[in-house]
PDB file of N, CA and C in Angstrom:
ATOM      1  N   UNK A   1      47.931 -19.334  28.669  1.00  0.00           N
ATOM      2  CA  UNK A   1      47.459 -18.034  28.954  1.00  0.00           C
ATOM      3  C   UNK A   1      46.235 -18.450  29.851  1.00  0.00           C
ATOM      4  N   UNK A   2      45.989 -17.630  31.071  1.00  0.00           N
ATOM      5  CA  UNK A   2      44.719 -18.154  32.332  1.00  0.00           C
ATOM      6  C   UNK A   2      43.592 -17.930  31.667  1.00  0.00           C
ATOM      7  N   UNK A   3      42.543 -18.300  31.726  1.00  0.00           N
ATOM      8  CA  UNK A   3      41.133 -18.073  31.802  1.00  0.00           C
ATOM      9  C   UNK A   3      40.714 -16.909  32.544  1.00  0.00           C
ATOM     10  N   UNK A   4      39.803 -16.070  31.848  1.00  0.00           N
ATOM     11  CA  UNK A   4      39.587 -14.742  32.455  1.00  0.00           C
ATOM     12  C   UNK A   4      38.211 -15.102  33.867  1.00  0.00           C
ATOM     13  N   UNK A   5      38.742 -14.576  34.873  1.00  0.00           N
ATOM     14  CA  UNK A   5      37.631 -14.856  35.782  1.00  0.00           C
ATOM     15  C   UNK A   5      36.323 -14.514  35.607  1.00  0.00           C
ATOM     16  N   UNK A   6      35.183 -14.918  36.046  1.00  0.00           N
ATOM     17  CA  UNK A   6      33.877 -14.616  36.119  1.00  0.00           C
ATOM     18  C   UNK A   6      33.644 -13.252  36.636  1.00  0.00           C
ATOM     19  N   UNK A   7      34.007 -13.413  37.690  1.00  0.00           N
ATOM     20  CA  UNK A   7      33.823 -12.312  38.514  1.00  0.00           C
ATOM     21  C   UNK A   7      34.912 -11.863  39.409  1.00  0.00           C
ATOM     22  N   UNK A   8      35.423 -11.123  40.347  1.00  0.00           N
ATOM     23  CA  UNK A   8      36.417 -10.464  40.539  1.00  0.00           C
ATOM     24  C   UNK A   8      36.166  -9.352  41.078  1.00  0.00           C
ATOM     25  N   UNK A   9      37.176  -8.981  42.034  1.00  0.00           N
ATOM     26  CA  UNK A   9      36.641  -7.618  42.942  1.00  0.00           C
ATOM     27  C   UNK A   9      38.093  -7.227  42.552  1.00  0.00           C
ATOM     28  N   UNK A  10      37.830  -5.499  43.249  1.00  0.00           N
ATOM     29  CA  UNK A  10      39.258  -4.694  43.351  1.00  0.00           C
ATOM     30  C   UNK A  10      40.014  -5.151  44.131  1.00  0.00           C
ATOM     31  N   UNK A  11      39.835  -5.834  45.365  1.00  0.00           N
ATOM     32  CA  UNK A  11      40.704  -5.978  46.413  1.00  0.00           C
ATOM     33  C   UNK A  11      41.469  -7.037  45.502  1.00  0.00           C
ATOM     34  N   UNK A  12      41.192  -7.532  44.938  1.00  0.00           N
ATOM     35  CA  UNK A  12      41.911  -8.977  44.313  1.00  0.00           C
ATOM     36  C   UNK A  12      43.042  -8.278  43.181  1.00  0.00           C
ATOM     37  N   UNK A  13      42.446  -7.458  42.779  1.00  0.00           N
ATOM     38  CA  UNK A  13      43.432  -7.007  41.612  1.00  0.00           C
ATOM     39  C   UNK A  13      44.256  -6.491  42.503  1.00  0.00           C
ATOM     40  N   UNK A  14      44.346  -5.702  42.988  1.00  0.00           N
ATOM     41  CA  UNK A  14      45.072  -4.721  43.933  1.00  0.00           C
ATOM     42  C   UNK A  14      46.536  -5.656  45.106  1.00  0.00           C
ATOM     43  N   UNK A  15      45.959  -7.069  44.753  1.00  0.00           N
ATOM     44  CA  UNK A  15      46.971  -7.308  45.693  1.00  0.00           C
ATOM     45  C   UNK A  15      47.986  -8.565  44.621  1.00  0.00           C
ATOM     46  N   UNK A  16      48.206  -8.058  44.061  1.00  0.00           N
ATOM     47  CA  UNK A  16      49.025  -8.356  42.483  1.00  0.00           C
ATOM     48  C   UNK A  16      50.349  -8.245  42.802  1.00  0.00           C
ATOM     49  N   UNK A  17      51.496  -9.055  42.723  1.00  0.00           N
ATOM     50  CA  UNK A  17      52.564  -8.573  42.380  1.00  0.00           C
ATOM     51  C   UNK A  17      53.650  -8.234  41.188  1.00  0.00           C
ATOM     52  N   UNK A  18      54.098  -7.838  40.757  1.00  0.00           N
ATOM     53  CA  UNK A  18      55.110  -7.493  39.976  1.00  0.00           C
ATOM     54  C   UNK A  18      55.313  -6.207  39.064  1.00  0.00           C
ATOM     55  N   UNK A  19      55.985  -5.868  37.771  1.00  0.00           N
ATOM     56  CA  UNK A  19      56.194  -4.510  37.501  1.00  0.00           C
ATOM     57  C   UNK A  19      54.968  -3.953  36.917  1.00  0.00           C
ATOM     58  N   UNK A  20      54.700  -2.859  37.132  1.00  0.00           N
ATOM     59  CA  UNK A  20      53.519  -2.036  36.971  1.00  0.00           C
ATOM     60  C   UNK A  20      53.013  -2.910  35.773  1.00  0.00           C
ATOM     61  N   UNK A  21      53.810  -2.570  34.309  1.00  0.00           N
ATOM     62  CA  UNK A  21      53.337  -2.595  33.075  1.00  0.00           C
ATOM     63  C   UNK A  21      52.859  -3.861  33.010  1.00  0.00           C
ATOM     64  N   UNK A  22      53.760  -4.728  33.521  1.00  0.00           N
ATOM     65  CA  UNK A  22      53.720  -6.455  33.500  1.00  0.00           C
ATOM     66  C   UNK A  22      52.480  -7.001  34.400  1.00  0.00           C
ATOM     67  N   UNK A  23      52.240  -5.749  35.530  1.00  0.00           N
ATOM     68  CA  UNK A  23      50.831  -6.329  36.624  1.00  0.00           C
ATOM     69  C   UNK A  23      49.841  -5.930  35.702  1.00  0.00           C
ATOM     70  N   UNK A  24      49.816  -4.814  34.651  1.00  0.00           N
ATOM     71  CA  UNK A  24      48.480  -4.724  34.144  1.00  0.00           C
ATOM     72  C   UNK A  24      48.458  -5.636  32.858  1.00  0.00           C
ATOM     73  N   UNK A  25      49.236  -5.893  32.019  1.00  0.00           N
ATOM     74  CA  UNK A  25      49.139  -6.714  31.245  1.00  0.00           C
ATOM     75  C   UNK A  25      48.767  -7.973  31.458  1.00  0.00           C
ATOM     76  N   UNK A  26      48.850  -8.682  32.944  1.00  0.00           N
ATOM     77  CA  UNK A  26      48.768  -9.357  33.544  1.00  0.00           C
ATOM     78  C   UNK A  26      46.991  -9.960  33.888  1.00  0.00           C
ATOM     79  N   UNK A  27      46.864  -8.667  34.220  1.00  0.00           N
ATOM     80  CA  UNK A  27      45.404  -8.599  34.850  1.00  0.00           C
ATOM     81  C   UNK A  27      44.593  -8.011  33.474  1.00  0.00           C
ATOM     82  N   UNK A  28      44.863  -7.676  32.799  1.00  0.00           N
ATOM     83  CA  UNK A  28      44.110  -7.593  31.437  1.00  0.00           C
ATOM     84  C   UNK A  28      43.556  -8.895  30.924  1.00  0.00           C
ATOM     85  N   UNK A  29      44.497 -10.222  30.809  1.00  0.00           N
ATOM     86  CA  UNK A  29      44.782 -11.153  30.240  1.00  0.00           C
ATOM     87  C   UNK A  29      43.459 -12.465  31.317  1.00  0.00           C
ATOM     88  N   UNK A  30      43.376 -11.609  32.551  1.00  0.00           N
ATOM     89  CA  UNK A  30      42.811 -12.641  33.735  1.00  0.00           C
ATOM     90  C   UNK A  30      41.444 -11.571  33.930  1.00  0.00           C
ATOM     91  N   UNK A  31      41.421 -10.553  33.929  1.00  0.00           N
ATOM     92  CA  UNK A  31      40.268  -9.575  34.268  1.00  0.00           C
ATOM     93  C   UNK A  31      39.372  -9.340  32.930  1.00  0.00           C
ATOM     94  N   UNK A  32      40.011  -9.188  31.876  1.00  0.00           N
ATOM     95  CA  UNK A  32      39.245  -8.422  30.844  1.00  0.00           C
ATOM     96  C   UNK A  32      38.721  -7.380  30.749  1.00  0.00           C
ATOM     97  N   UNK A  33      37.831  -7.253  30.844  1.00  0.00           N
ATOM     98  CA  UNK A  33      36.662  -5.522  30.691  1.00  0.00           C
ATOM     99  C   UNK A  33      36.857  -5.202  32.319  1.00  0.00           C
ATOM    100  N   UNK A  34      36.876  -6.021  33.288  1.00  0.00           N
ATOM    101  CA  UNK A  34      36.716  -5.430  34.416  1.00  0.00           C
ATOM    102  C   UNK A  34      38.140  -5.141  35.370  1.00  0.00           C
ATOM    103  N   UNK A  35      38.922  -5.281  34.299  1.00  0.00           N
ATOM    104  CA  UNK A  35      40.294  -4.658  34.998  1.00  0.00           C
ATOM    105  C   UNK A  35      40.418  -3.339  35.102  1.00  0.00           C
ATOM    106  N   UNK A  36      41.426  -3.023  36.115  1.00  0.00           N
ATOM    107  CA  UNK A  36      41.847  -1.758  36.609  1.00  0.00           C
ATOM    108  C   UNK A  36      42.759  -1.048  35.463  1.00  0.00           C
ATOM    109  N   UNK A  37      42.263  -0.053  35.706  1.00  0.00           N
ATOM    110  CA  UNK A  37      43.016   0.750  34.392  1.00  0.00           C
ATOM    111  C   UNK A  37      44.748   0.652  34.944  1.00  0.00           C
ATOM    112  N   UNK A  38      45.684   1.304  34.024  1.00  0.00           N
ATOM    113  CA  UNK A  38      46.879   0.968  34.306  1.00  0.00           C
ATOM    114  C   UNK A  38      47.147   2.175  35.104  1.00  0.00           C
ATOM    115  N   UNK A  39      46.464   3.633  35.044  1.00  0.00           N
ATOM    116  CA  UNK A  39      46.670   4.591  36.283  1.00  0.00           C
ATOM    117  C   UNK A  39      46.268   3.795  37.715  1.00  0.00           C
ATOM    118  N   UNK A  40      45.489   3.285  37.627  1.00  0.00           N
ATOM    119  CA  UNK A  40      44.926   2.689  39.018  1.00  0.00           C
ATOM    120  C   UNK A  40      45.996   1.721  39.267  1.00  0.00           C
ATOM    121  N   UNK A  41      46.613   0.826  38.519  1.00  0.00           N
ATOM    122  CA  UNK A  41      47.818  -0.174  38.833  1.00  0.00           C
ATOM    123  C   UNK A  41      48.865   0.389  39.145  1.00  0.00           C
ATOM    124  N   UNK A  42      49.096   1.647  38.582  1.00  0.00           N
ATOM    125  CA  UNK A  42      50.105   2.357  38.979  1.00  0.00           C
ATOM    126  C   UNK A  42      49.839   2.553  40.454  1.00  0.00           C
ATOM    127  N   UNK A  43      48.931   3.560  40.840  1.00  0.00           N
ATOM    128  CA  UNK A  43      48.675   4.612  42.233  1.00  0.00           C
ATOM    129  C   UNK A  43      48.362   3.128  42.772  1.00  0.00           C
ATOM    130  N   UNK A  44      47.983   2.063  42.832  1.00  0.00           N
ATOM    131  CA  UNK A  44      48.096   0.768  44.000  1.00  0.00           C
ATOM    132  C   UNK A  44      49.509   0.100  44.283  1.00  0.00           C
ATOM    133  N   UNK A  45      50.519   0.762  43.159  1.00  0.00           N
ATOM    134  CA  UNK A  45      51.755   0.224  43.394  1.00  0.00           C
ATOM    135  C   UNK A  45      52.560   1.430  44.272  1.00  0.00           C
ATOM    136  N   UNK A  46      52.242   2.350  43.787  1.00  0.00           N
ATOM    137  CA  UNK A  46      52.866   3.360  44.872  1.00  0.00           C
ATOM    138  C   UNK A  46      52.505   3.210  46.377  1.00  0.00           C
ATOM    139  N   UNK A  47      51.358   3.241  46.467  1.00  0.00           N
ATOM    140  CA  UNK A  47      50.346   2.940  47.724  1.00  0.00           C
ATOM    141  C   UNK A  47      51.301   1.502  48.642  1.00  0.00           C
ATOM    142  N   UNK A  48      51.359   0.773  47.368  1.00  0.00           N
ATOM    143  CA  UNK A  48      51.915  -0.447  48.262  1.00  0.00           C
ATOM    144  C   UNK A  48      53.701  -0.337  48.699  1.00  0.00           C
ATOM    145  N   UNK A  49      54.508   0.460  47.864  1.00  0.00           N
ATOM    146  CA  UNK A  49      55.454   1.006  48.178  1.00  0.00           C
ATOM    147  C   UNK A  49      56.050   1.726  49.596  1.00  0.00           C
ATOM    148  N   UNK A  50      54.732   2.674  49.649  1.00  0.00           N
ATOM    149  CA  UNK A  50      54.618   3.587  50.980  1.00  0.00           C
ATOM    150  C   UNK A  50      53.913   3.055  52.225  1.00  0.00           C
ATOM    151  N   UNK A  51      54.038   1.217  52.085  1.00  0.00           N
ATOM    152  CA  UNK A  51      53.949   0.550  53.289  1.00  0.00           C
ATOM    153  C   UNK A  51      52.343   0.683  53.251  1.00  0.00           C
ATOM    154  N   UNK A  52      51.494   0.910  52.784  1.00  0.00           N
ATOM    155  CA  UNK A  52      50.106   0.817  52.922  1.00  0.00           C
ATOM    156  C   UNK A  52      49.626  -0.957  52.492  1.00  0.00           C
ATOM    157  N   UNK A  53      48.875  -1.866  53.511  1.00  0.00           N
ATOM    158  CA  UNK A  53      49.083  -2.989  52.985  1.00  0.00           C
ATOM    159  C   UNK A  53      47.581  -3.614  52.883  1.00  0.00           C
ATOM    160  N   UNK A  54      46.362  -2.244  53.203  1.00  0.00           N
ATOM    161  CA  UNK A  54      45.238  -2.949  52.736  1.00  0.00           C
ATOM    162  C   UNK A  54      44.746  -2.494  51.524  1.00  0.00           C
ATOM    163  N   UNK A  55      44.189  -3.118  51.270  1.00  0.00           N
ATOM    164  CA  UNK A  55      43.609  -3.427  49.925  1.00  0.00           C
ATOM    165  C   UNK A  55      42.414  -2.982  49.314  1.00  0.00           C
ATOM    166  N   UNK A  56      41.480  -2.728  50.668  1.00  0.00           N
ATOM    167  CA  UNK A  56      40.076  -2.303  50.613  1.00  0.00           C
ATOM    168  C   UNK A  56      40.353  -0.465  50.660  1.00  0.00           C
ATOM    169  N   UNK A  57      39.397   0.344  50.157  1.00  0.00           N
ATOM    170  CA  UNK A  57      39.221   1.501  50.326  1.00  0.00           C
ATOM    171  C   UNK A  57      38.583   2.159  51.775  1.00  0.00           C
ATOM    172  N   UNK A  58      39.379   3.063  51.794  1.00  0.00           N
ATOM    173  CA  UNK A  58      38.785   3.490  53.378  1.00  0.00           C
ATOM    174  C   UNK A  58      37.623   4.237  53.536  1.00  0.00           C
ATOM    175  N   UNK A  59      37.058   4.007  54.217  1.00  0.00           N
ATOM    176  CA  UNK A  59      35.372   5.056  54.277  1.00  0.00           C
ATOM    177  C   UNK A  59      36.285   6.543  54.191  1.00  0.00           C
ATOM    178  N   UNK A  60      35.374   7.089  53.288  1.00  0.00           N
ATOM    179  CA  UNK A  60      34.762   8.570  52.841  1.00  0.00           C
ATOM    180  C   UNK A  60      34.216   9.224  53.910  1.00  0.00           C
ATOM    181  N   UNK A  61      34.622  10.596  54.146  1.00  0.00           N
ATOM    182  CA  UNK A  61      33.967  10.902  55.282  1.00  0.00           C
ATOM    183  C   UNK A  61      32.513  11.756  54.437  1.00  0.00           C
ATOM    184  N   UNK A  62      31.263  11.635  54.769  1.00  0.00           N
ATOM    185  CA  UNK A  62      30.216  12.440  54.572  1.00  0.00           C
ATOM    186  C   UNK A  62      29.775  11.473  53.035  1.00  0.00           C
ATOM    187  N   UNK A  63      30.284   9.976  53.274  1.00  0.00           N
ATOM    188  CA  UNK A  63      29.746   9.349  52.002  1.00  0.00           C
ATOM    189  C   UNK A  63      28.476   8.507  52.244  1.00  0.00           C
ATOM    190  N   UNK A  64      27.478   8.325  51.134  1.00  0.00           N
ATOM    191  CA  UNK A  64      26.159   7.865  51.926  1.00  0.00           C
ATOM    192  C   UNK A  64      25.902   7.005  52.484  1.00  0.00           C
ATOM    193  N   UNK A  65      25.318   6.865  53.506  1.00  0.00           N
ATOM    194  CA  UNK A  65      24.792   5.072  53.905  1.00  0.00           C
ATOM    195  C   UNK A  65      23.511   5.162  54.031  1.00  0.00           C
ATOM    196  N   UNK A  66      22.507   3.625  53.574  1.00  0.00           N
ATOM    197  CA  UNK A  66      21.328   3.607  54.159  1.00  0.00           C
ATOM    198  C   UNK A  66      21.106   2.969  55.384  1.00  0.00           C
ATOM    199  N   UNK A  67      20.366   3.741  56.182  1.00  0.00           N
ATOM    200  CA  UNK A  67      19.295   3.015  57.318  1.00  0.00           C
ATOM    201  C   UNK A  67      18.154   2.580  57.028  1.00  0.00           C
ATOM    202  N   UNK A  68      18.078   1.578  57.025  1.00  0.00           N
ATOM    203  CA  UNK A  68      16.694   0.931  56.733  1.00  0.00           C
ATOM    204  C   UNK A  68      16.331   0.166  58.433  1.00  0.00           C
ATOM    205  N   UNK A  69      15.033   1.110  58.670  1.00  0.00           N
ATOM    206  CA  UNK A  69      14.659   0.319  59.927  1.00  0.00           C
ATOM    207  C   UNK A  69      13.456  -0.247  59.616  1.00  0.00           C
ATOM    208  N   UNK A  70      13.282  -1.284  60.355  1.00  0.00           N
ATOM    209  CA  UNK A  70      11.818  -1.997  60.425  1.00  0.00           C
ATOM    210  C   UNK A  70      10.956  -1.096  60.273  1.00  0.00           C
ATOM    211  N   UNK A  71      10.920  -0.314  61.056  1.00  0.00           N
ATOM    212  CA  UNK A  71       9.560   1.131  60.765  1.00  0.00           C
ATOM    213  C   UNK A  71       9.314   1.185  59.483  1.00  0.00           C
ATOM    214  N   UNK A  72      10.286   1.558  58.426  1.00  0.00           N
ATOM    215  CA  UNK A  72      10.391   2.036  56.999  1.00  0.00           C
ATOM    216  C   UNK A  72      10.157   1.043  56.125  1.00  0.00           C
ATOM    217  N   UNK A  73      10.504  -0.384  56.746  1.00  0.00           N
ATOM    218  CA  UNK A  73       9.964  -1.199  55.477  1.00  0.00           C
ATOM    219  C   UNK A  73       8.675  -1.203  56.006  1.00  0.00           C
ATOM    220  N   UNK A  74       8.400  -1.092  57.060  1.00  0.00           N
ATOM    221  CA  UNK A  74       6.384  -1.686  57.072  1.00  0.00           C
ATOM    222  C   UNK A  74       6.154  -0.389  56.681  1.00  0.00           C
ATOM    223  N   UNK A  75       6.425   0.910  56.622  1.00  0.00           N
ATOM    224  CA  UNK A  75       5.613   1.961  55.850  1.00  0.00           C
ATOM    225  C   UNK A  75       6.068   1.527  54.656  1.00  0.00           C
ATOM    226  N   UNK A  76       6.842   1.512  53.926  1.00  0.00           N
ATOM    227  CA  UNK A  76       6.660   1.064  52.307  1.00  0.00           C
ATOM    228  C   UNK A  76       5.903   0.177  52.174  1.00  0.00           C
ATOM    229  N   UNK A  77       5.974  -1.113  53.181  1.00  0.00           N
ATOM    230  CA  UNK A  77       5.196  -2.138  52.692  1.00  0.00           C
ATOM    231  C   UNK A  77       3.539  -2.068  52.819  1.00  0.00           C
ATOM    232  N   UNK A  78       3.079  -0.929  53.344  1.00  0.00           N
ATOM    233  CA  UNK A  78       1.828  -0.467  53.925  1.00  0.00           C
ATOM    234  C   UNK A  78       1.443   0.343  52.484  1.00  0.00           C
ATOM    235  N   UNK A  79       2.367   1.082  52.006  1.00  0.00           N
ATOM    236  CA  UNK A  79       1.983   2.271  50.887  1.00  0.00           C
ATOM    237  C   UNK A  79       2.145   1.256  49.751  1.00  0.00           C
ATOM    238  N   UNK A  80       2.622   0.285  49.836  1.00  0.00           N
ATOM    239  CA  UNK A  80       2.979  -0.667  48.724  1.00  0.00           C
ATOM    240  C   UNK A  80       0.987  -1.380  48.251  1.00  0.00           C
ATOM    241  N   UNK A  81       0.738  -2.114  49.273  1.00  0.00           N
ATOM    242  CA  UNK A  81      -0.302  -3.009  49.612  1.00  0.00           C
ATOM    243  C   UNK A  81      -1.722  -1.825  49.112  1.00  0.00           C
ATOM    244  N   UNK A  82      -1.621  -0.385  49.942  1.00  0.00           N
ATOM    245  CA  UNK A  82      -2.434   0.455  49.619  1.00  0.00           C
ATOM    246  C   UNK A  82      -2.862   0.548  48.102  1.00  0.00           C
ATOM    247  N   UNK A  83      -1.564   0.813  47.478  1.00  0.00           N
ATOM    248  CA  UNK A  83      -1.668   1.583  45.976  1.00  0.00           C
ATOM    249  C   UNK A  83      -0.141   0.118  45.238  1.00  0.00           C
ATOM    250  N   UNK A  84      -0.381  -0.243  44.561  1.00  0.00           N
ATOM    251  CA  UNK A  84       0.335  -1.396  44.063  1.00  0.00           C
ATOM    252  C   UNK A  84       0.702  -0.696  42.692  1.00  0.00           C
ATOM    253  N   UNK A  85       0.290   0.422  42.258  1.00  0.00           N
ATOM    254  CA  UNK A  85       0.880   1.494  41.277  1.00  0.00           C
ATOM    255  C   UNK A  85       1.931   2.422  41.660  1.00  0.00           C
ATOM    256  N   UNK A  86       2.290   2.593  42.860  1.00  0.00           N
ATOM    257  CA  UNK A  86       2.668   3.698  43.666  1.00  0.00           C
ATOM    258  C   UNK A  86       4.277   3.168  42.960  1.00  0.00           C
ATOM    259  N   UNK A  87       4.615   4.257  42.460  1.00  0.00           N
ATOM    260  CA  UNK A  87       6.384   4.397  42.227  1.00  0.00           C
ATOM    261  C   UNK A  87       7.482   4.569  43.425  1.00  0.00           C
ATOM    262  N   UNK A  88       8.596   4.062  43.111  1.00  0.00           N
ATOM    263  CA  UNK A  88       9.648   4.169  44.012  1.00  0.00           C
ATOM    264  C   UNK A  88      10.096   5.755  44.250  1.00  0.00           C
ATOM    265  N   UNK A  89       9.631   6.931  43.216  1.00  0.00           N
ATOM    266  CA  UNK A  89       9.636   7.901  44.024  1.00  0.00           C
ATOM    267  C   UNK A  89       8.693   8.383  44.922  1.00  0.00           C
ATOM    268  N   UNK A  90       7.504   7.963  44.018  1.00  0.00           N
ATOM    269  CA  UNK A  90       6.201   8.375  45.440  1.00  0.00           C
ATOM    270  C   UNK A  90       6.669   7.910  46.600  1.00  0.00           C
ATOM    271  N   UNK A  91       6.748   6.845  46.890  1.00  0.00           N
ATOM    272  CA  UNK A  91       7.244   6.062  48.244  1.00  0.00           C
ATOM    273  C   UNK A  91       8.167   6.974  48.649  1.00  0.00           C
ATOM    274  N   UNK A  92       9.549   7.600  47.896  1.00  0.00           N
ATOM    275  CA  UNK A  92      10.426   8.334  49.044  1.00  0.00           C
ATOM    276  C   UNK A  92       9.956   9.626  49.324  1.00  0.00           C
ATOM    277  N   UNK A  93       9.409  10.461  48.630  1.00  0.00           N
ATOM    278  CA  UNK A  93       8.474  11.523  48.763  1.00  0.00           C
ATOM    279  C   UNK A  93       7.798  11.669  50.020  1.00  0.00           C
ATOM    280  N   UNK A  94       6.491  10.435  50.010  1.00  0.00           N
ATOM    281  CA  UNK A  94       5.755  10.466  50.187  1.00  0.00           C
ATOM    282  C   UNK A  94       6.460  10.012  51.987  1.00  0.00           C
ATOM    283  N   UNK A  95       6.938   9.099  52.391  1.00  0.00           N
ATOM    284  CA  UNK A  95       8.073   9.084  53.810  1.00  0.00           C
ATOM    285  C   UNK A  95       9.080   9.597  53.966  1.00  0.00           C
ATOM    286  N   UNK A  96       9.589  10.594  52.781  1.00  0.00           N
ATOM    287  CA  UNK A  96      10.723  11.282  53.335  1.00  0.00           C
ATOM    288  C   UNK A  96      11.993  10.917  53.369  1.00  0.00           C
ATOM    289  N   UNK A  97      12.310   9.972  52.573  1.00  0.00           N
ATOM    290  CA  UNK A  97      13.386   9.103  52.214  1.00  0.00           C
ATOM    291  C   UNK A  97      14.187   9.400  51.065  1.00  0.00           C
ATOM    292  N   UNK A  98      15.086   8.908  51.140  1.00  0.00           N
ATOM    293  CA  UNK A  98      15.904   8.820  49.877  1.00  0.00           C
ATOM    294  C   UNK A  98      15.218   7.937  48.787  1.00  0.00           C
ATOM    295  N   UNK A  99      15.607   8.080  47.337  1.00  0.00           N
ATOM    296  CA  UNK A  99      14.999   7.558  46.482  1.00  0.00           C
ATOM    297  C   UNK A  99      16.006   6.316  46.406  1.00  0.00           C
ATOM    298  N   UNK A 100      17.173   5.927  46.888  1.00  0.00           N
ATOM    299  CA  UNK A 100      17.774   4.861  46.892  1.00  0.00           C
ATOM    300  C   UNK A 100      17.249   3.895  47.692  1.00  0.00           C
ATOM    301  N   UNK A 101      16.942   4.941  49.098  1.00  0.00           N
ATOM    302  CA  UNK A 101      16.660   4.048  50.257  1.00  0.00           C
ATOM    303  C   UNK A 101      15.346   3.101  50.002  1.00  0.00           C
ATOM    304  N   UNK A 102      14.240   3.867  49.447  1.00  0.00           N
ATOM    305  CA  UNK A 102      13.101   3.499  48.998  1.00  0.00           C
ATOM    306  C   UNK A 102      13.113   1.738  47.764  1.00  0.00           C
ATOM    307  N   UNK A 103      14.295   2.137  46.907  1.00  0.00           N
ATOM    308  CA  UNK A 103      14.336   1.572  45.831  1.00  0.00           C
ATOM    309  C   UNK A 103      14.573  -0.107  46.502  1.00  0.00           C
ATOM    310  N   UNK A 104      15.917   0.532  47.761  1.00  0.00           N
ATOM    311  CA  UNK A 104      16.629  -0.736  48.413  1.00  0.00           C
ATOM    312  C   UNK A 104      15.410  -1.518  49.245  1.00  0.00           C
ATOM    313  N   UNK A 105      14.783  -0.860  49.758  1.00  0.00           N
ATOM    314  CA  UNK A 105      13.339  -1.313  50.218  1.00  0.00           C
ATOM    315  C   UNK A 105      12.743  -2.518  49.738  1.00  0.00           C
ATOM    316  N   UNK A 106      12.309  -1.693  48.640  1.00  0.00           N
ATOM    317  CA  UNK A 106      11.090  -2.384  47.410  1.00  0.00           C
ATOM    318  C   UNK A 106      11.916  -3.194  47.010  1.00  0.00           C
ATOM    319  N   UNK A 107      12.908  -3.180  46.126  1.00  0.00           N
ATOM    320  CA  UNK A 107      13.410  -3.993  45.519  1.00  0.00           C
ATOM    321  C   UNK A 107      14.457  -5.341  46.107  1.00  0.00           C
ATOM    322  N   UNK A 108      14.981  -4.954  47.162  1.00  0.00           N
ATOM    323  CA  UNK A 108      16.034  -6.234  48.018  1.00  0.00           C
ATOM    324  C   UNK A 108      15.352  -6.646  49.024  1.00  0.00           C
ATOM    325  N   UNK A 109      14.670  -5.464  50.040  1.00  0.00           N
ATOM    326  CA  UNK A 109      14.112  -6.108  51.005  1.00  0.00           C
ATOM    327  C   UNK A 109      12.865  -7.062  51.030  1.00  0.00           C
ATOM    328  N   UNK A 110      11.836  -6.144  50.261  1.00  0.00           N
ATOM    329  CA  UNK A 110      10.742  -6.954  49.851  1.00  0.00           C
ATOM    330  C   UNK A 110      10.656  -7.663  48.483  1.00  0.00           C
ATOM    331  N   UNK A 111      11.478  -7.270  47.640  1.00  0.00           N
ATOM    332  CA  UNK A 111      11.301  -8.128  46.879  1.00  0.00           C
ATOM    333  C   UNK A 111      10.449  -8.131  45.675  1.00  0.00           C
ATOM    334  N   UNK A 112       9.929  -6.933  45.471  1.00  0.00           N
ATOM    335  CA  UNK A 112       8.972  -6.542  44.740  1.00  0.00           C
ATOM    336  C   UNK A 112       9.894  -6.205  43.182  1.00  0.00           C
ATOM    337  N   UNK A 113       9.260  -6.690  41.975  1.00  0.00           N
ATOM    338  CA  UNK A 113       9.921  -6.560  40.706  1.00  0.00           C
ATOM    339  C   UNK A 113       9.627  -5.027  40.369  1.00  0.00           C
ATOM    340  N   UNK A 114      10.169  -4.233  39.723  1.00  0.00           N
ATOM    341  CA  UNK A 114      10.481  -2.998  39.329  1.00  0.00           C
ATOM    342  C   UNK A 114      10.011  -2.839  37.796  1.00  0.00           C
ATOM    343  N   UNK A 115       9.199  -2.019  37.181  1.00  0.00           N
ATOM    344  CA  UNK A 115       9.200  -1.973  35.806  1.00  0.00           C
ATOM    345  C   UNK A 115      10.602  -0.731  35.449  1.00  0.00           C
ATOM    346  N   UNK A 116      11.291  -0.883  35.063  1.00  0.00           N
ATOM    347  CA  UNK A 116      12.683  -0.176  34.683  1.00  0.00           C
ATOM    348  C   UNK A 116      12.246   1.545  33.859  1.00  0.00           C
ATOM    349  N   UNK A 117      11.050   1.672  33.294  1.00  0.00           N
ATOM    350  CA  UNK A 117      10.910   3.093  32.875  1.00  0.00           C
ATOM    351  C   UNK A 117      10.332   4.001  34.332  1.00  0.00           C
ATOM    352  N   UNK A 118       9.773   3.525  35.095  1.00  0.00           N
ATOM    353  CA  UNK A 118       9.397   4.751  35.761  1.00  0.00           C
ATOM    354  C   UNK A 118       9.280   4.199  37.664  1.00  0.00           C
ATOM    355  N   UNK A 119       9.790   3.079  37.832  1.00  0.00           N
ATOM    356  CA  UNK A 119       9.995   2.237  39.136  1.00  0.00           C
ATOM    357  C   UNK A 119       8.897   1.683  39.683  1.00  0.00           C
ATOM    358  N   UNK A 120       7.653   1.657  38.761  1.00  0.00           N
ATOM    359  CA  UNK A 120       6.435   0.906  38.791  1.00  0.00           C
ATOM    360  C   UNK A 120       6.498   0.001  39.434  1.00  0.00           C
ATOM    361  N   UNK A 121       5.741  -0.284  40.883  1.00  0.00           N
ATOM    362  CA  UNK A 121       6.085  -1.752  41.427  1.00  0.00           C
ATOM    363  C   UNK A 121       5.033  -2.718  40.770  1.00  0.00           C
ATOM    364  N   UNK A 122       6.008  -4.034  40.530  1.00  0.00           N
ATOM    365  CA  UNK A 122       5.107  -4.962  39.724  1.00  0.00           C
ATOM    366  C   UNK A 122       4.841  -6.276  40.573  1.00  0.00           C
ATOM    367  N   UNK A 123       4.274  -7.241  39.966  1.00  0.00           N
ATOM    368  CA  UNK A 123       4.073  -8.899  40.664  1.00  0.00           C
ATOM    369  C   UNK A 123       3.697  -8.486  41.956  1.00  0.00           C
ATOM    370  N   UNK A 124       2.588  -7.607  42.621  1.00  0.00           N
ATOM    371  CA  UNK A 124       2.586  -7.761  43.985  1.00  0.00           C
ATOM    372  C   UNK A 124       1.486  -9.230  44.347  1.00  0.00           C
TER     373      UNK A 124
END
């Protein structure tokens, strides 16, 4: 029996071959709780049978994407330095940006720690 993989991608799981039920059984052993459902395996098998060769999801119209500019990063950093108790929600409202973008800048770009209760910035 194969050992479960610690990390896997949907693309890796979609590129496996064999009968649908057998694919799902093997994937369950390999990917454990992160395994695609049997319905998803069936869907991807049908797609491959219809000559779709890419295992990545196509971009969807209207799907949100994040635009992080140097100006936005500087503005967020200024707010944080002026008020280290500012929350992500307050920053987003003040700068008229989405909460996801504000969170991304604070947490991922500026690498400040956040209090999970109210997204208050910690350890500045």
